[in-house]
């Protein structure tokens, strides 16, 4: 088995385990149930089969901290620089989260964001697989922001794998710092004029990752997370994140942050919008 596929073994074994049950069902003659189970197992892991097909011929560069699998079509001269960037970001995130990752980080450098999107099933430039310490990044996207964003998912996944996208994507966007070079709050300001999209909506994965809302939801979640950490501190935010288990988000938010989500949202909107309002007034006075 080639090295890129070995790096995916935590997910591969989970995908193959149902096949053992299928074999047992076939052995006792229950062909119908075996076929149904096989179909469900295949559909639940169709992204994994697409990923395996895409990376089976990737080349590999590795050291004691990072395993980098990369598309042979990528420029090999950029691999040493990318390895250095990965080490740098891992160091920064280890300081931010208080401890390094367990084991080596595994990175798949895919040719383009279209390839990443085709593998995972929706438009994206990167993806994180917590259980395998794996990230996918597209070679045609801003590398520094993308590497930081996806590696942050590996760190935050140790806190909780059940955090809603408002917090999980919000933290990664916050830690990436900018979006294509623009400050996150600057990008959030025009989106705040639309009051129909509330933070409570960003708890819903279908809303957050919908094709029409996704970019705006990422920006809003990143801006809100940045506000929470600045206003209430990293430790409170960490406690709230760790408490995520899919239940009682509002009550736990009040317990660990100290205010209701709605109150925090009101404060955040004012905090982000006031600088923009002051700038507009200043320019109107100049004119």
Protein backbone atom coordinates (compact mmCIF):
# COMPACT_ATOMS: atom_id res chain seq x y z
CA UNK A 1 0.00 0.00 0.00
CA UNK A 2 1.44 3.41 -0.99
CA UNK A 3 2.32 5.98 1.65
CA UNK A 4 -0.47 8.49 0.87
CA UNK A 5 -3.09 5.79 1.42
CA UNK A 6 -1.36 4.58 4.60
CA UNK A 7 -1.74 8.14 5.97
CA UNK A 8 -5.51 7.75 5.56
CA UNK A 9 -5.65 4.40 7.36
CA UNK A 10 -7.71 5.65 10.37
CA UNK A 11 -10.53 6.50 7.96
CA UNK A 12 -9.90 3.55 5.66
CA UNK A 13 -10.34 0.98 8.44
CA UNK A 14 -13.59 2.62 9.54
CA UNK A 15 -14.87 2.47 5.98
CA UNK A 16 -13.91 -1.20 5.56
CA UNK A 17 -15.32 -2.48 8.88
CA UNK A 18 -18.93 -2.58 7.59
CA UNK A 19 -17.70 -4.85 4.80
CA UNK A 20 -16.93 -7.50 7.45
CA UNK A 21 -20.58 -7.45 8.47
CA UNK A 22 -21.59 -7.61 4.82
CA UNK A 23 -19.49 -10.75 4.42
CA UNK A 24 -21.20 -12.31 7.46
CA UNK A 25 -24.66 -11.46 6.10
CA UNK A 26 -23.80 -12.95 2.73
CA UNK A 27 -22.56 -16.07 4.52
CA UNK A 28 -25.91 -16.57 6.26
CA UNK A 29 -27.80 -15.88 3.07
CA UNK A 30 -29.21 -12.41 3.81
CA UNK A 31 -28.25 -10.93 0.45
CA UNK A 32 -30.77 -8.09 0.55
CA UNK A 33 -29.60 -6.65 3.88
CA UNK A 34 -25.97 -7.15 2.87
CA UNK A 35 -26.54 -5.16 -0.34
CA UNK A 36 -28.27 -2.35 1.54
CA UNK A 37 -25.49 -2.12 4.13
CA UNK A 38 -22.84 -2.15 1.40
CA UNK A 39 -24.60 0.68 -0.44
CA UNK A 40 -24.91 2.80 2.75
CA UNK A 41 -21.24 2.23 3.67
CA UNK A 42 -20.15 3.22 0.18
CA UNK A 43 -22.23 6.41 0.11
CA UNK A 44 -21.14 7.50 3.59
CA UNK A 45 -17.49 7.26 2.53
CA UNK A 46 -17.68 8.29 -1.11
CA UNK A 47 -15.41 11.28 -0.35
CA UNK A 48 -12.75 8.86 0.95
CA UNK A 49 -12.78 6.77 -2.22
CA UNK A 50 -12.44 9.94 -4.32
CA UNK A 51 -9.53 11.09 -2.13
CA UNK A 52 -7.76 7.74 -2.38
CA UNK A 53 -8.17 7.76 -6.16
CA UNK A 54 -6.77 11.29 -6.35
CA UNK A 55 -3.68 10.82 -4.14
CA UNK A 56 -2.53 7.27 -4.84
CA UNK A 57 0.27 8.51 -7.14
CA UNK A 58 1.33 11.46 -4.97
CA UNK A 59 4.97 11.92 -4.04
CA UNK A 60 6.08 12.26 -0.43
CA UNK A 61 8.47 14.47 1.53
CA UNK A 62 8.69 14.00 5.28
CA UNK A 63 10.64 14.71 8.44
CA UNK A 64 10.11 14.14 12.16
CA UNK A 65 7.12 16.53 12.37
CA UNK A 66 5.45 16.70 8.97
CA UNK A 67 4.50 14.27 6.20
CA UNK A 68 3.80 16.10 2.96
CA UNK A 69 2.15 14.21 0.09
CA UNK A 70 2.00 16.32 -3.06
CA UNK A 71 0.65 16.13 -6.57
CA UNK A 72 3.49 15.39 -9.04
CA UNK A 73 2.13 18.24 -11.18
CA UNK A 74 2.96 20.75 -8.41
CA UNK A 75 6.21 22.68 -8.60
CA UNK A 76 8.69 20.56 -6.61
CA UNK A 77 10.84 23.64 -5.92
CA UNK A 78 8.18 25.04 -3.59
CA UNK A 79 8.13 21.92 -1.36
CA UNK A 80 11.05 22.98 0.94
CA UNK A 81 9.44 26.40 1.46
CA UNK A 82 6.10 24.77 2.22
CA UNK A 83 7.72 22.41 4.73
CA UNK A 84 9.27 25.41 6.44
CA UNK A 85 5.90 27.18 6.51
CA UNK A 86 4.24 24.11 8.03
CA UNK A 87 6.87 23.95 10.79
CA UNK A 88 6.43 27.66 11.50
CA UNK A 89 2.65 27.44 11.73
CA UNK A 90 2.80 24.33 13.91
CA UNK A 91 5.11 26.18 16.32
CA UNK A 92 2.79 29.21 16.51
CA UNK A 93 -0.32 27.10 17.02
CA UNK A 94 1.40 24.95 19.66
CA UNK A 95 2.09 28.12 21.65
CA UNK A 96 -1.48 29.39 21.13
CA UNK A 97 -3.11 26.08 22.18
CA UNK A 98 -0.59 25.30 24.92
CA UNK A 99 0.72 22.01 23.51
CA UNK A 100 1.87 20.55 20.18
CA UNK A 101 -0.04 18.05 18.06
CA UNK A 102 0.30 14.38 18.91
CA UNK A 103 2.26 12.69 16.18
CA UNK A 104 3.14 14.11 12.79
CA UNK A 105 0.89 16.42 10.82
CA UNK A 106 0.02 14.94 7.42
CA UNK A 107 -0.55 17.35 4.54
CA UNK A 108 -1.92 16.57 1.08
CA UNK A 109 -1.02 19.30 -1.42
CA UNK A 110 -3.68 18.98 -4.12
CA UNK A 111 -3.33 20.61 -7.52
CA UNK A 112 -6.23 23.09 -7.29
CA UNK A 113 -9.26 24.13 -5.26
CA UNK A 114 -11.42 22.43 -7.90
CA UNK A 115 -9.77 19.12 -7.03
CA UNK A 116 -10.39 19.67 -3.31
CA UNK A 117 -14.02 20.60 -4.02
CA UNK A 118 -14.54 17.50 -6.16
CA UNK A 119 -13.15 15.27 -3.41
CA UNK A 120 -15.12 16.63 -0.46
CA UNK A 121 -18.31 17.47 -2.36
CA UNK A 122 -18.56 21.24 -2.01
CA UNK A 123 -16.52 24.31 -2.92
CA UNK A 124 -13.43 24.64 -0.71
CA UNK A 125 -9.71 25.27 -0.84
CA UNK A 126 -8.84 22.99 2.05
CA UNK A 127 -10.16 20.40 4.47
CA UNK A 128 -9.15 18.85 7.80
CA UNK A 129 -9.47 15.20 8.85
CA UNK A 130 -9.16 15.21 12.63
CA UNK A 131 -8.91 11.47 13.25
CA UNK A 132 -5.88 11.09 10.99
CA UNK A 133 -4.09 14.40 11.72
CA UNK A 134 -4.53 15.14 8.01
CA UNK A 135 -5.20 18.34 6.11
CA UNK A 136 -5.85 18.92 2.41
CA UNK A 137 -4.74 22.20 0.87
CA UNK A 138 -5.03 23.46 -2.70
CA UNK A 139 -1.84 24.60 -4.39
CA UNK A 140 -3.62 27.50 -6.12
CA UNK A 141 -4.91 29.15 -2.92
CA UNK A 142 -3.17 31.64 -0.52
CA UNK A 143 -0.89 29.16 1.20
CA UNK A 144 -0.17 30.92 4.51
CA UNK A 145 -3.84 31.57 5.33
CA UNK A 146 -4.96 28.13 4.21
CA UNK A 147 -2.24 26.23 6.09
CA UNK A 148 -2.95 28.15 9.28
CA UNK A 149 -6.72 27.65 8.93
CA UNK A 150 -6.61 23.89 8.37
CA UNK A 151 -3.90 23.19 10.95
CA UNK A 152 -5.97 25.14 13.49
CA UNK A 153 -8.76 22.62 12.90
CA UNK A 154 -6.44 19.80 13.97
CA UNK A 155 -5.63 21.64 17.21
CA UNK A 156 -9.22 22.67 18.01
CA UNK A 157 -10.44 19.17 17.19
CA UNK A 158 -8.64 17.97 20.33
CA UNK A 159 -10.92 20.27 22.36
CA UNK A 160 -14.14 19.02 20.79
CA UNK A 161 -15.17 17.43 17.53
CA UNK A 162 -18.79 18.45 18.07
CA UNK A 163 -18.44 22.24 18.02
CA UNK A 164 -20.87 23.97 15.65
CA UNK A 165 -19.36 25.78 12.65
CA UNK A 166 -19.91 29.14 14.37
CA UNK A 167 -17.07 28.15 16.73
CA UNK A 168 -15.07 25.56 14.77
CA UNK A 169 -14.81 27.52 11.52
CA UNK A 170 -14.89 30.79 13.42
CA UNK A 171 -11.75 29.89 15.38
CA UNK A 172 -9.85 28.78 12.27
CA UNK A 173 -10.81 31.96 10.39
CA UNK A 174 -9.86 34.05 13.41
CA UNK A 175 -6.45 32.37 13.67
CA UNK A 176 -5.72 32.63 9.95
CA UNK A 177 -5.78 36.40 10.57
CA UNK A 178 -6.79 37.66 7.13
CA UNK A 179 -8.83 36.52 4.14
CA UNK A 180 -6.87 37.03 0.92
CA UNK A 181 -4.95 39.76 2.70
CA UNK A 182 -7.97 41.67 4.06
CA UNK A 183 -8.70 41.93 7.81
CA UNK A 184 -11.64 39.74 8.82
CA UNK A 185 -13.53 42.58 10.55
CA UNK A 186 -13.20 44.76 7.45
CA UNK A 187 -14.86 42.04 5.36
CA UNK A 188 -17.53 41.52 8.05
CA UNK A 189 -18.66 45.16 8.19
CA UNK A 190 -20.79 45.23 5.00
CA UNK A 191 -22.29 41.84 5.92
CA UNK A 192 -23.58 43.16 9.24
CA UNK A 193 -26.05 45.40 7.44
CA UNK A 194 -28.01 42.23 6.67
CA UNK A 195 -29.67 41.51 10.01
CA UNK A 196 -31.59 38.55 8.65
CA UNK A 197 -28.54 36.30 9.12
CA UNK A 198 -28.19 35.91 12.88
CA UNK A 199 -25.46 34.06 14.74
CA UNK A 200 -28.02 31.47 15.85
CA UNK A 201 -28.39 30.59 12.15
CA UNK A 202 -24.65 29.87 11.97
CA UNK A 203 -25.12 27.00 14.43
CA UNK A 204 -26.91 25.13 11.65
CA UNK A 205 -24.48 23.33 9.34
CA UNK A 206 -26.90 23.38 6.43
CA UNK A 207 -27.20 27.15 6.62
CA UNK A 208 -23.50 27.72 7.28
CA UNK A 209 -22.25 25.58 4.39
CA UNK A 210 -25.00 26.43 1.91
CA UNK A 211 -23.63 27.52 -1.45
CA UNK A 212 -25.15 31.01 -1.25
CA UNK A 213 -24.20 31.77 2.38
CA UNK A 214 -20.88 29.99 2.93
CA UNK A 215 -18.35 32.79 2.37
CA UNK A 216 -20.35 35.29 4.42
CA UNK A 217 -20.83 32.76 7.23
CA UNK A 218 -17.08 32.07 7.41
CA UNK A 219 -16.32 35.79 7.67
CA UNK A 220 -19.01 36.48 10.28
CA UNK A 221 -18.00 33.48 12.38
CA UNK A 222 -14.33 34.52 12.27
CA UNK A 223 -15.13 38.11 13.23
CA UNK A 224 -17.39 37.02 16.11
CA UNK A 225 -14.81 34.54 17.43
CA UNK A 226 -12.13 37.21 17.29
CA UNK A 227 -14.42 39.49 19.31
CA UNK A 228 -15.15 36.79 21.91
CA UNK A 229 -11.47 36.06 22.50
CA UNK A 230 -10.59 39.77 22.65
CA UNK A 231 -13.48 40.69 24.99
CA UNK A 232 -13.76 37.62 27.23
CA UNK A 233 -10.35 35.97 26.93
CA UNK A 234 -8.88 32.80 25.46
CA UNK A 235 -9.51 30.69 28.56
CA UNK A 236 -13.25 31.35 28.64
CA UNK A 237 -13.50 30.66 24.93
CA UNK A 238 -11.58 27.39 25.35
CA UNK A 239 -13.89 26.24 28.14
CA UNK A 240 -16.94 26.99 25.99
CA UNK A 241 -15.43 25.15 23.03
CA UNK A 242 -14.52 22.10 25.10
CA UNK A 243 -18.08 21.89 26.44
CA UNK A 244 -19.53 21.44 22.93
CA UNK A 245 -21.29 18.09 22.64
CA UNK A 246 -24.24 19.00 20.42
CA UNK A 247 -26.59 19.98 23.24
CA UNK A 248 -27.61 23.16 25.11
CA UNK A 249 -25.41 25.57 23.17
CA UNK A 250 -27.10 28.68 24.58
CA UNK A 251 -27.01 27.59 28.21
CA UNK A 252 -23.36 26.57 28.03
CA UNK A 253 -22.48 29.80 26.24
CA UNK A 254 -23.97 31.80 29.13
CA UNK A 255 -22.21 29.57 31.70
CA UNK A 256 -18.70 29.85 30.24
CA UNK A 257 -18.71 33.24 28.50
CA UNK A 258 -20.86 35.03 31.09
CA UNK A 259 -23.52 36.51 28.77
CA UNK A 260 -26.22 35.15 26.50
CA UNK A 261 -25.35 34.60 22.83
CA UNK A 262 -27.81 37.32 21.80
CA UNK A 263 -26.14 39.85 24.12
CA UNK A 264 -22.68 38.92 22.85
CA UNK A 265 -23.91 39.26 19.27
CA UNK A 266 -25.28 42.76 19.98
CA UNK A 267 -21.95 43.83 21.53
CA UNK A 268 -19.99 42.32 18.63
CA UNK A 269 -22.06 44.05 15.97
CA UNK A 270 -21.58 47.41 17.67
CA UNK A 271 -17.87 46.77 18.18
CA UNK A 272 -17.32 46.00 14.50
CA UNK A 273 -19.70 48.56 13.00
CA UNK A 274 -18.76 51.66 15.02
CA UNK A 275 -15.35 52.15 13.31
CA UNK A 276 -17.07 51.89 9.91
CA UNK A 277 -19.74 54.41 10.92
CA UNK A 278 -17.12 56.84 12.19
CA UNK A 279 -15.19 56.55 8.93
CA UNK A 280 -18.31 57.21 6.87
CA UNK A 281 -19.09 60.32 8.97
CA UNK A 282 -15.53 61.55 8.65
CA UNK A 283 -15.60 61.23 4.85
CA UNK A 284 -19.02 62.91 4.62
CA UNK A 285 -17.66 65.87 6.63
CA UNK A 286 -14.62 66.12 4.35
CA UNK A 287 -16.85 66.22 1.28
